[in-house]
C-alpha atoms as a PDB file:
ATOM      1  CA  UNK A   1      77.129  91.952  12.094  1.00  0.00           C
ATOM      2  CA  UNK A   2      75.633  90.749  15.049  1.00  0.00           C
ATOM      3  CA  UNK A   3      76.368  92.129  18.271  1.00  0.00           C
ATOM      4  CA  UNK A   4      75.856  89.004  20.765  1.00  0.00           C
ATOM      5  CA  UNK A   5      75.448  90.066  24.704  1.00  0.00           C
ATOM      6  CA  UNK A   6      74.843  86.962  26.994  1.00  0.00           C
ATOM      7  CA  UNK A   7      74.863  87.819  31.077  1.00  0.00           C
ATOM      8  CA  UNK A   8      76.847  84.529  32.130  1.00  0.00           C
ATOM      9  CA  UNK A   9      79.257  82.317  31.373  1.00  0.00           C
ATOM     10  CA  UNK A  10      77.301  79.216  30.565  1.00  0.00           C
ATOM     11  CA  UNK A  11      75.545  81.698  28.223  1.00  0.00           C
ATOM     12  CA  UNK A  12      78.544  83.144  26.357  1.00  0.00           C
ATOM     13  CA  UNK A  13      79.881  79.222  26.017  1.00  0.00           C
ATOM     14  CA  UNK A  14      76.394  78.033  24.142  1.00  0.00           C
ATOM     15  CA  UNK A  15      76.433  80.957  21.772  1.00  0.00           C
ATOM     16  CA  UNK A  16      80.043  80.394  21.202  1.00  0.00           C
ATOM     17  CA  UNK A  17      79.515  77.130  20.323  1.00  0.00           C
ATOM     18  CA  UNK A  18      76.527  77.984  17.920  1.00  0.00           C
ATOM     19  CA  UNK A  19      78.610  80.902  16.459  1.00  0.00           C
ATOM     20  CA  UNK A  20      81.750  80.020  16.429  1.00  0.00           C
ATOM     21  CA  UNK A  21      82.518  82.970  14.047  1.00  0.00           C
ATOM     22  CA  UNK A  22      81.697  85.118  16.864  1.00  0.00           C
ATOM     23  CA  UNK A  23      84.805  87.383  17.996  1.00  0.00           C
ATOM     24  CA  UNK A  24      84.878  87.731  21.752  1.00  0.00           C
ATOM     25  CA  UNK A  25      85.234  91.364  22.723  1.00  0.00           C
ATOM     26  CA  UNK A  26      86.030  93.196  26.085  1.00  0.00           C
ATOM     27  CA  UNK A  27      88.076  95.860  26.357  1.00  0.00           C
ATOM     28  CA  UNK A  28      88.172  95.922  22.849  1.00  0.00           C
ATOM     29  CA  UNK A  29      91.226  97.514  22.232  1.00  0.00           C
ATOM     30  CA  UNK A  30      92.866  95.189  19.082  1.00  0.00           C
ATOM     31  CA  UNK A  31      89.504  94.138  17.826  1.00  0.00           C
ATOM     32  CA  UNK A  32      88.006  97.761  16.868  1.00  0.00           C
ATOM     33  CA  UNK A  33      91.351  98.745  15.610  1.00  0.00           C
ATOM     34  CA  UNK A  34      91.021  96.034  13.287  1.00  0.00           C
ATOM     35  CA  UNK A  35      87.331  96.592  12.580  1.00  0.00           C
ATOM     36  CA  UNK A  36      87.892 100.306  11.902  1.00  0.00           C
ATOM     37  CA  UNK A  37      90.782  99.310   9.252  1.00  0.00           C
ATOM     38  CA  UNK A  38      88.204  97.022   7.597  1.00  0.00           C
ATOM     39  CA  UNK A  39      91.047  94.349   8.669  1.00  0.00           C
ATOM     40  CA  UNK A  40      88.048  92.266   9.634  1.00  0.00           C
ATOM     41  CA  UNK A  41      84.712  91.681   9.433  1.00  0.00           C
ATOM     42  CA  UNK A  42      83.119  89.174  11.424  1.00  0.00           C
ATOM     43  CA  UNK A  43      79.790  87.781  10.789  1.00  0.00           C
ATOM     44  CA  UNK A  44      79.718  88.648  14.593  1.00  0.00           C
ATOM     45  CA  UNK A  45      81.029  90.065  18.014  1.00  0.00           C
ATOM     46  CA  UNK A  46      80.538  88.187  20.982  1.00  0.00           C
ATOM     47  CA  UNK A  47      80.410  91.105  24.107  1.00  0.00           C
ATOM     48  CA  UNK A  48      81.802  89.503  27.266  1.00  0.00           C
ATOM     49  CA  UNK A  49      81.265  92.452  29.494  1.00  0.00           C
ATOM     50  CA  UNK A  50      78.624  91.912  31.498  1.00  0.00           C
ATOM     51  CA  UNK A  51      80.158  88.621  32.384  1.00  0.00           C
ATOM     52  CA  UNK A  52      80.937  88.816  36.343  1.00  0.00           C
ATOM     53  CA  UNK A  53      83.245  85.397  36.189  1.00  0.00           C
ATOM     54  CA  UNK A  54      85.746  87.156  33.696  1.00  0.00           C
ATOM     55  CA  UNK A  55      86.274  90.135  35.863  1.00  0.00           C
ATOM     56  CA  UNK A  56      87.306  88.687  39.139  1.00  0.00           C
ATOM     57  CA  UNK A  57      90.293  86.994  40.776  1.00  0.00           C
ATOM     58  CA  UNK A  58      90.930  85.367  43.623  1.00  0.00           C
ATOM     59  CA  UNK A  59      94.241  83.072  45.808  1.00  0.00           C
ATOM     60  CA  UNK A  60      94.400  79.934  46.396  1.00  0.00           C
ATOM     61  CA  UNK A  61      97.797  77.947  47.350  1.00  0.00           C
ATOM     62  CA  UNK A  62     100.416  80.377  46.492  1.00  0.00           C
ATOM     63  CA  UNK A  63      98.709  80.527  42.888  1.00  0.00           C
ATOM     64  CA  UNK A  64      96.647  83.859  41.468  1.00  0.00           C
ATOM     65  CA  UNK A  65      93.556  83.146  39.488  1.00  0.00           C
ATOM     66  CA  UNK A  66      93.210  85.755  37.324  1.00  0.00           C
ATOM     67  CA  UNK A  67      89.834  86.549  35.185  1.00  0.00           C
ATOM     68  CA  UNK A  68      90.294  87.174  31.438  1.00  0.00           C
ATOM     69  CA  UNK A  69      88.488  90.216  32.164  1.00  0.00           C
ATOM     70  CA  UNK A  70      90.579  91.904  34.970  1.00  0.00           C
ATOM     71  CA  UNK A  71      91.531  95.226  33.306  1.00  0.00           C
ATOM     72  CA  UNK A  72      95.334  95.990  33.049  1.00  0.00           C
ATOM     73  CA  UNK A  73      94.634  98.882  35.447  1.00  0.00           C
ATOM     74  CA  UNK A  74      92.982  96.660  38.155  1.00  0.00           C
ATOM     75  CA  UNK A  75      95.740  94.264  37.622  1.00  0.00           C
ATOM     76  CA  UNK A  76      97.920  97.357  38.545  1.00  0.00           C
ATOM     77  CA  UNK A  77      96.285  98.429  41.697  1.00  0.00           C
ATOM     78  CA  UNK A  78      94.978  94.965  43.525  1.00  0.00           C
ATOM     79  CA  UNK A  79      98.165  92.789  42.149  1.00  0.00           C
ATOM     80  CA  UNK A  80     101.052  94.900  41.515  1.00  0.00           C
ATOM     81  CA  UNK A  81     102.510  93.607  44.743  1.00  0.00           C
ATOM     82  CA  UNK A  82     101.742  89.487  44.269  1.00  0.00           C
ATOM     83  CA  UNK A  83     102.219  89.499  40.869  1.00  0.00           C
ATOM     84  CA  UNK A  84     105.135  92.104  40.184  1.00  0.00           C
ATOM     85  CA  UNK A  85     106.097  90.976  36.584  1.00  0.00           C
ATOM     86  CA  UNK A  86     102.784  91.217  35.220  1.00  0.00           C
ATOM     87  CA  UNK A  87     102.412  94.486  36.719  1.00  0.00           C
ATOM     88  CA  UNK A  88     104.819  95.973  35.003  1.00  0.00           C
ATOM     89  CA  UNK A  89     104.190  94.886  31.788  1.00  0.00           C
ATOM     90  CA  UNK A  90     100.798  96.207  32.316  1.00  0.00           C
ATOM     91  CA  UNK A  91     102.203  99.385  33.138  1.00  0.00           C
ATOM     92  CA  UNK A  92     103.762  99.726  29.684  1.00  0.00           C
ATOM     93  CA  UNK A  93      99.975  98.976  27.414  1.00  0.00           C
ATOM     94  CA  UNK A  94      99.024 102.157  25.782  1.00  0.00           C
ATOM     95  CA  UNK A  95      97.883 105.137  27.608  1.00  0.00           C
ATOM     96  CA  UNK A  96      95.647 105.122  30.939  1.00  0.00           C
ATOM     97  CA  UNK A  97      92.573 104.722  29.074  1.00  0.00           C
ATOM     98  CA  UNK A  98      93.462 101.843  27.035  1.00  0.00           C
ATOM     99  CA  UNK A  99      94.410 100.497  30.621  1.00  0.00           C
ATOM    100  CA  UNK A 100      91.320 101.177  31.674  1.00  0.00           C
ATOM    101  CA  UNK A 101      89.475  98.898  29.175  1.00  0.00           C
ATOM    102  CA  UNK A 102      92.163  96.544  28.015  1.00  0.00           C
ATOM    103  CA  UNK A 103      92.918  92.532  29.445  1.00  0.00           C
ATOM    104  CA  UNK A 104      95.491  90.261  29.932  1.00  0.00           C
ATOM    105  CA  UNK A 105      92.631  88.094  28.115  1.00  0.00           C
ATOM    106  CA  UNK A 106      92.426  89.829  24.762  1.00  0.00           C
ATOM    107  CA  UNK A 107      96.403  90.010  24.898  1.00  0.00           C
ATOM    108  CA  UNK A 108      96.408  86.415  25.053  1.00  0.00           C
ATOM    109  CA  UNK A 109      93.444  85.985  22.353  1.00  0.00           C
ATOM    110  CA  UNK A 110      95.075  88.240  20.151  1.00  0.00           C
ATOM    111  CA  UNK A 111      98.348  86.223  20.142  1.00  0.00           C
ATOM    112  CA  UNK A 112     100.920  89.268  19.072  1.00  0.00           C
ATOM    113  CA  UNK A 113     104.555  88.673  19.068  1.00  0.00           C
ATOM    114  CA  UNK A 114     104.540  92.015  20.312  1.00  0.00           C
ATOM    115  CA  UNK A 115     101.591  91.454  23.270  1.00  0.00           C
ATOM    116  CA  UNK A 116     103.509  92.889  26.435  1.00  0.00           C
ATOM    117  CA  UNK A 117     101.865  90.219  28.663  1.00  0.00           C
ATOM    118  CA  UNK A 118     103.483  87.049  26.871  1.00  0.00           C
ATOM    119  CA  UNK A 119     106.921  87.356  27.681  1.00  0.00           C
ATOM    120  CA  UNK A 120     105.996  87.597  31.609  1.00  0.00           C
ATOM    121  CA  UNK A 121     103.068  84.585  30.899  1.00  0.00           C
ATOM    122  CA  UNK A 122     105.508  82.559  29.820  1.00  0.00           C
ATOM    123  CA  UNK A 123     108.683  83.349  32.782  1.00  0.00           C
ATOM    124  CA  UNK A 124     106.292  82.577  35.330  1.00  0.00           C
ATOM    125  CA  UNK A 125     104.866  79.017  34.169  1.00  0.00           C
ATOM    126  CA  UNK A 126     101.581  80.470  33.731  1.00  0.00           C
ATOM    127  CA  UNK A 127      98.404  78.197  32.758  1.00  0.00           C
ATOM    128  CA  UNK A 128      95.716  79.546  30.210  1.00  0.00           C
ATOM    129  CA  UNK A 129      92.226  78.528  31.414  1.00  0.00           C
ATOM    130  CA  UNK A 130      90.070  77.662  28.557  1.00  0.00           C
ATOM    131  CA  UNK A 131      86.178  76.654  28.255  1.00  0.00           C
ATOM    132  CA  UNK A 132      83.141  75.687  25.870  1.00  0.00           C
ATOM    133  CA  UNK A 133      80.034  74.142  26.520  1.00  0.00           C
ATOM    134  CA  UNK A 134      82.520  70.675  25.847  1.00  0.00           C
ATOM    135  CA  UNK A 135      84.090  71.575  29.290  1.00  0.00           C
ATOM    136  CA  UNK A 136      87.650  73.230  29.972  1.00  0.00           C
ATOM    137  CA  UNK A 137      91.131  72.539  29.714  1.00  0.00           C
ATOM    138  CA  UNK A 138      93.995  74.323  30.989  1.00  0.00           C
ATOM    139  CA  UNK A 139      97.442  74.658  29.114  1.00  0.00           C
ATOM    140  CA  UNK A 140     101.242  76.123  29.622  1.00  0.00           C
ATOM    141  CA  UNK A 141     101.491  79.421  28.186  1.00  0.00           C
ATOM    142  CA  UNK A 142     104.251  78.416  25.736  1.00  0.00           C
ATOM    143  CA  UNK A 143     101.506  76.215  24.183  1.00  0.00           C
ATOM    144  CA  UNK A 144      99.370  78.813  23.594  1.00  0.00           C
ATOM    145  CA  UNK A 145     100.970  80.524  21.157  1.00  0.00           C
ATOM    146  CA  UNK A 146     101.119  78.723  17.937  1.00  0.00           C
ATOM    147  CA  UNK A 147     102.376  81.355  15.452  1.00  0.00           C
ATOM    148  CA  UNK A 148     102.085  84.840  14.160  1.00  0.00           C
ATOM    149  CA  UNK A 149      98.934  85.580  15.789  1.00  0.00           C
ATOM    150  CA  UNK A 150      97.741  82.693  16.248  1.00  0.00           C
ATOM    151  CA  UNK A 151      96.838  80.340  19.083  1.00  0.00           C
ATOM    152  CA  UNK A 152      95.693  77.251  20.301  1.00  0.00           C
ATOM    153  CA  UNK A 153      91.856  78.105  20.762  1.00  0.00           C
ATOM    154  CA  UNK A 154      89.572  75.816  19.852  1.00  0.00           C
ATOM    155  CA  UNK A 155      86.590  77.649  17.786  1.00  0.00           C
ATOM    156  CA  UNK A 156      83.748  76.939  20.628  1.00  0.00           C
ATOM    157  CA  UNK A 157      86.383  77.896  23.101  1.00  0.00           C
ATOM    158  CA  UNK A 158      86.427  81.122  25.304  1.00  0.00           C
ATOM    159  CA  UNK A 159      89.442  82.412  27.630  1.00  0.00           C
ATOM    160  CA  UNK A 160      88.328  82.552  31.149  1.00  0.00           C
ATOM    161  CA  UNK A 161      91.490  82.794  32.968  1.00  0.00           C
ATOM    162  CA  UNK A 162      94.761  82.903  33.648  1.00  0.00           C
ATOM    163  CA  UNK A 163      96.848  81.153  36.685  1.00  0.00           C
ATOM    164  CA  UNK A 164     100.072  82.138  37.927  1.00  0.00           C
ATOM    165  CA  UNK A 165     102.242  81.642  41.155  1.00  0.00           C
ATOM    166  CA  UNK A 166     102.423  84.596  43.446  1.00  0.00           C
ATOM    167  CA  UNK A 167     106.029  85.999  43.271  1.00  0.00           C
ATOM    168  CA  UNK A 168     107.988  85.055  45.799  1.00  0.00           C
ATOM    169  CA  UNK A 169     111.642  86.604  44.501  1.00  0.00           C
ATOM    170  CA  UNK A 170     112.651  88.523  41.793  1.00  0.00           C
ATOM    171  CA  UNK A 171     110.680  89.518  38.772  1.00  0.00           C
ATOM    172  CA  UNK A 172     111.436  92.097  36.259  1.00  0.00           C
ATOM    173  CA  UNK A 173     110.099  92.825  32.932  1.00  0.00           C
ATOM    174  CA  UNK A 174     111.665  95.512  30.127  1.00  0.00           C
ATOM    175  CA  UNK A 175     110.409  96.223  26.464  1.00  0.00           C
ATOM    176  CA  UNK A 176     112.437  98.868  24.096  1.00  0.00           C
ATOM    177  CA  UNK A 177     110.237 101.241  21.604  1.00  0.00           C
ATOM    178  CA  UNK A 178     110.745 103.407  19.653  1.00  0.00           C
ATOM    179  CA  UNK A 179     109.810 106.245  21.903  1.00  0.00           C
ATOM    180  CA  UNK A 180     109.073 106.102  25.899  1.00  0.00           C
ATOM    181  CA  UNK A 181     105.451 105.232  26.467  1.00  0.00           C
ATOM    182  CA  UNK A 182     102.416 104.232  24.171  1.00  0.00           C
ATOM    183  CA  UNK A 183     104.271 102.270  21.782  1.00  0.00           C
ATOM    184  CA  UNK A 184     104.809  98.637  20.509  1.00  0.00           C
ATOM    185  CA  UNK A 185     107.641  97.226  21.583  1.00  0.00           C
ATOM    186  CA  UNK A 186     110.387  96.528  19.368  1.00  0.00           C
ATOM    187  CA  UNK A 187     111.631  94.072  21.776  1.00  0.00           C
ATOM    188  CA  UNK A 188     110.946  93.001  25.473  1.00  0.00           C
ATOM    189  CA  UNK A 189     111.813  90.431  27.865  1.00  0.00           C
ATOM    190  CA  UNK A 190     110.820  88.939  31.018  1.00  0.00           C
ATOM    191  CA  UNK A 191     112.727  86.947  33.698  1.00  0.00           C
ATOM    192  CA  UNK A 192     111.663  85.234  37.241  1.00  0.00           C
ATOM    193  CA  UNK A 193     113.606  84.087  39.562  1.00  0.00           C
ATOM    194  CA  UNK A 194     112.473  82.063  42.563  1.00  0.00           C
ATOM    195  CA  UNK A 195     113.569  78.993  44.404  1.00  0.00           C
ATOM    196  CA  UNK A 196     113.772  76.487  41.812  1.00  0.00           C
ATOM    197  CA  UNK A 197     112.498  77.870  39.322  1.00  0.00           C
ATOM    198  CA  UNK A 198     113.985  80.424  36.634  1.00  0.00           C
ATOM    199  CA  UNK A 199     112.176  81.801  34.137  1.00  0.00           C
ATOM    200  CA  UNK A 200     113.262  84.082  30.984  1.00  0.00           C
ATOM    201  CA  UNK A 201     111.272  85.328  27.588  1.00  0.00           C
ATOM    202  CA  UNK A 202     111.180  87.292  25.162  1.00  0.00           C
ATOM    203  CA  UNK A 203     108.940  88.944  22.524  1.00  0.00           C
ATOM    204  CA  UNK A 204     108.497  90.825  19.564  1.00  0.00           C
ATOM    205  CA  UNK A 205     111.594  89.107  18.222  1.00  0.00           C
ATOM    206  CA  UNK A 206     110.107  85.839  16.998  1.00  0.00           C
ATOM    207  CA  UNK A 207     106.677  84.303  15.314  1.00  0.00           C
ATOM    208  CA  UNK A 208     105.538  84.217  18.382  1.00  0.00           C
ATOM    209  CA  UNK A 209     106.676  84.779  22.238  1.00  0.00           C
ATOM    210  CA  UNK A 210     108.737  82.428  23.460  1.00  0.00           C
ATOM    211  CA  UNK A 211     110.770  80.710  26.128  1.00  0.00           C
ATOM    212  CA  UNK A 212     114.703  80.800  26.423  1.00  0.00           C
ATOM    213  CA  UNK A 213     115.451  77.386  27.736  1.00  0.00           C
ATOM    214  CA  UNK A 214     119.248  77.216  27.351  1.00  0.00           C
ATOM    215  CA  UNK A 215     119.470  80.265  29.381  1.00  0.00           C
ATOM    216  CA  UNK A 216     116.959  79.323  31.841  1.00  0.00           C
ATOM    217  CA  UNK A 217     118.964  76.331  32.191  1.00  0.00           C
ATOM    218  CA  UNK A 218     121.944  78.270  32.275  1.00  0.00           C
ATOM    219  CA  UNK A 219     120.648  80.305  35.079  1.00  0.00           C
ATOM    220  CA  UNK A 220     119.513  76.909  37.228  1.00  0.00           C
ATOM    221  CA  UNK A 221     122.881  75.515  36.579  1.00  0.00           C
ATOM    222  CA  UNK A 222     125.193  78.576  37.411  1.00  0.00           C
ATOM    223  CA  UNK A 223     123.186  80.889  40.128  1.00  0.00           C
ATOM    224  CA  UNK A 224     124.610  80.736  43.538  1.00  0.00           C
ATOM    225  CA  UNK A 225     121.335  79.768  44.943  1.00  0.00           C
ATOM    226  CA  UNK A 226     122.460  79.090  48.130  1.00  0.00           C
ATOM    227  CA  UNK A 227     124.972  81.673  49.454  1.00  0.00           C
ATOM    228  CA  UNK A 228     123.515  84.584  46.632  1.00  0.00           C
ATOM    229  CA  UNK A 229     126.008  87.077  46.002  1.00  0.00           C
ATOM    230  CA  UNK A 230     126.354  89.995  43.244  1.00  0.00           C
ATOM    231  CA  UNK A 231     126.677  88.451  39.912  1.00  0.00           C
ATOM    232  CA  UNK A 232     129.898  88.890  37.692  1.00  0.00           C
ATOM    233  CA  UNK A 233     129.953  90.661  34.709  1.00  0.00           C
ATOM    234  CA  UNK A 234     130.867  87.488  32.972  1.00  0.00           C
ATOM    235  CA  UNK A 235     127.978  85.579  34.147  1.00  0.00           C
ATOM    236  CA  UNK A 236     125.749  88.821  32.623  1.00  0.00           C
ATOM    237  CA  UNK A 237     127.106  88.712  29.251  1.00  0.00           C
ATOM    238  CA  UNK A 238     126.880  85.333  29.205  1.00  0.00           C
ATOM    239  CA  UNK A 239     123.236  85.036  30.060  1.00  0.00           C
ATOM    240  CA  UNK A 240     122.811  87.997  27.650  1.00  0.00           C
ATOM    241  CA  UNK A 241     124.191  85.802  24.950  1.00  0.00           C
ATOM    242  CA  UNK A 242     121.891  82.727  25.500  1.00  0.00           C
ATOM    243  CA  UNK A 243     118.765  85.129  25.122  1.00  0.00           C
ATOM    244  CA  UNK A 244     119.927  87.138  22.193  1.00  0.00           C
ATOM    245  CA  UNK A 245     120.865  83.646  20.390  1.00  0.00           C
ATOM    246  CA  UNK A 246     117.340  82.751  21.059  1.00  0.00           C
ATOM    247  CA  UNK A 247     115.994  85.360  18.977  1.00  0.00           C
ATOM    248  CA  UNK A 248     115.155  85.082  15.017  1.00  0.00           C
ATOM    249  CA  UNK A 249     114.100  88.537  14.415  1.00  0.00           C
ATOM    250  CA  UNK A 250     112.817  90.341  11.319  1.00  0.00           C
ATOM    251  CA  UNK A 251     113.479  93.636  10.192  1.00  0.00           C
ATOM    252  CA  UNK A 252     110.136  95.734  10.106  1.00  0.00           C
ATOM    253  CA  UNK A 253     109.630  99.611  10.238  1.00  0.00           C
ATOM    254  CA  UNK A 254     110.007  99.752  14.361  1.00  0.00           C
ATOM    255  CA  UNK A 255     113.714  98.066  14.033  1.00  0.00           C
ATOM    256  CA  UNK A 256     115.744  95.837  12.503  1.00  0.00           C
ATOM    257  CA  UNK A 257     116.602  91.834  13.467  1.00  0.00           C
ATOM    258  CA  UNK A 258     119.788  92.876  14.151  1.00  0.00           C
ATOM    259  CA  UNK A 259     118.773  95.681  16.348  1.00  0.00           C
ATOM    260  CA  UNK A 260     116.474  93.507  18.338  1.00  0.00           C
ATOM    261  CA  UNK A 261     119.151  91.014  18.635  1.00  0.00           C
ATOM    262  CA  UNK A 262     121.734  93.839  20.570  1.00  0.00           C
ATOM    263  CA  UNK A 263     118.898  95.319  22.447  1.00  0.00           C
ATOM    264  CA  UNK A 264     117.584  91.493  23.953  1.00  0.00           C
ATOM    265  CA  UNK A 265     120.825  91.084  25.427  1.00  0.00           C
ATOM    266  CA  UNK A 266     120.953  94.505  26.462  1.00  0.00           C
ATOM    267  CA  UNK A 267     117.797  93.996  28.599  1.00  0.00           C
ATOM    268  CA  UNK A 268     118.825  90.357  29.686  1.00  0.00           C
ATOM    269  CA  UNK A 269     121.866  91.897  31.642  1.00  0.00           C
ATOM    270  CA  UNK A 270     119.560  94.608  32.847  1.00  0.00           C
ATOM    271  CA  UNK A 271     116.669  92.378  34.248  1.00  0.00           C
ATOM    272  CA  UNK A 272     118.798  89.461  35.200  1.00  0.00           C
ATOM    273  CA  UNK A 273     120.613  92.154  37.675  1.00  0.00           C
ATOM    274  CA  UNK A 274     117.494  93.813  39.059  1.00  0.00           C
ATOM    275  CA  UNK A 275     115.859  89.990  39.409  1.00  0.00           C
ATOM    276  CA  UNK A 276     118.814  88.907  41.204  1.00  0.00           C
ATOM    277  CA  UNK A 277     119.068  91.927  43.909  1.00  0.00           C
ATOM    278  CA  UNK A 278     115.209  91.577  44.532  1.00  0.00           C
ATOM    279  CA  UNK A 279     116.028  87.378  44.752  1.00  0.00           C
ATOM    280  CA  UNK A 280     119.080  87.845  47.027  1.00  0.00           C
ATOM    281  CA  UNK A 281     116.630  90.742  49.357  1.00  0.00           C
ATOM    282  CA  UNK A 282     113.964  87.885  49.832  1.00  0.00           C
ATOM    283  CA  UNK A 283     116.808  85.354  50.614  1.00  0.00           C
ATOM    284  CA  UNK A 284     118.276  87.686  53.342  1.00  0.00           C
ATOM    285  CA  UNK A 285     114.597  88.578  54.671  1.00  0.00           C
ATOM    286  CA  UNK A 286     113.901  84.775  55.194  1.00  0.00           C
ATOM    287  CA  UNK A 287     117.645  83.756  56.548  1.00  0.00           C
END
């Protein structure tokens, strides 16, 4: 197995074009597990850790451009105030050592249905930036996931950044696992509420992470946006029903399909309450 170590993004893209079999590695928290268990044996590893551009983030026009190599730890410490939903998800990833190494770009590349950042990226309306020697393109997060651990990357492309709006309302993420920490999600849910936008997405409850379009339309049409008031229990229950109905889970060692469906409804009710309370607080502050 070859170990390739470019020092610039242009060099990395040239190498990827020449060696499309090369597997990118940055934090290595997924790739090394697959190698150790002999689930994957690529012809080459493409080390991205020396490419400074991938480890940077910037803010412009109400958007954050998050380099694919920014670690979870840095995301939490440096961007927790402006990307609270993504920071919540990042805090649930593994141990401190894993968060020091792991990246959102790596989570995207693995494309696991249980990946913790995916529901937040979907709910916020994030865009994924991909690059190759042929140029750059951006995809809506919902178009990036194509199947179980499959994504829309072409063989010669690398994930370079994720673009997300700065939070201006309420964002929440919650997951259920078989224990309290360092655990793969049995199911997860994210919700984002801001003026003109309601995002909701599920994880670990379908072949891919997915937005819950009907639940989003319900929130856009029925929430009292102009005069924010506490929500009735019947409203929360209806939202939970729409979220649960969008799931197509399976039975596995972490939980049954029935449990996942029920748990998503519980997460939906709770996170809607918390996100709406935050939105109401921001609306009063603006007033």
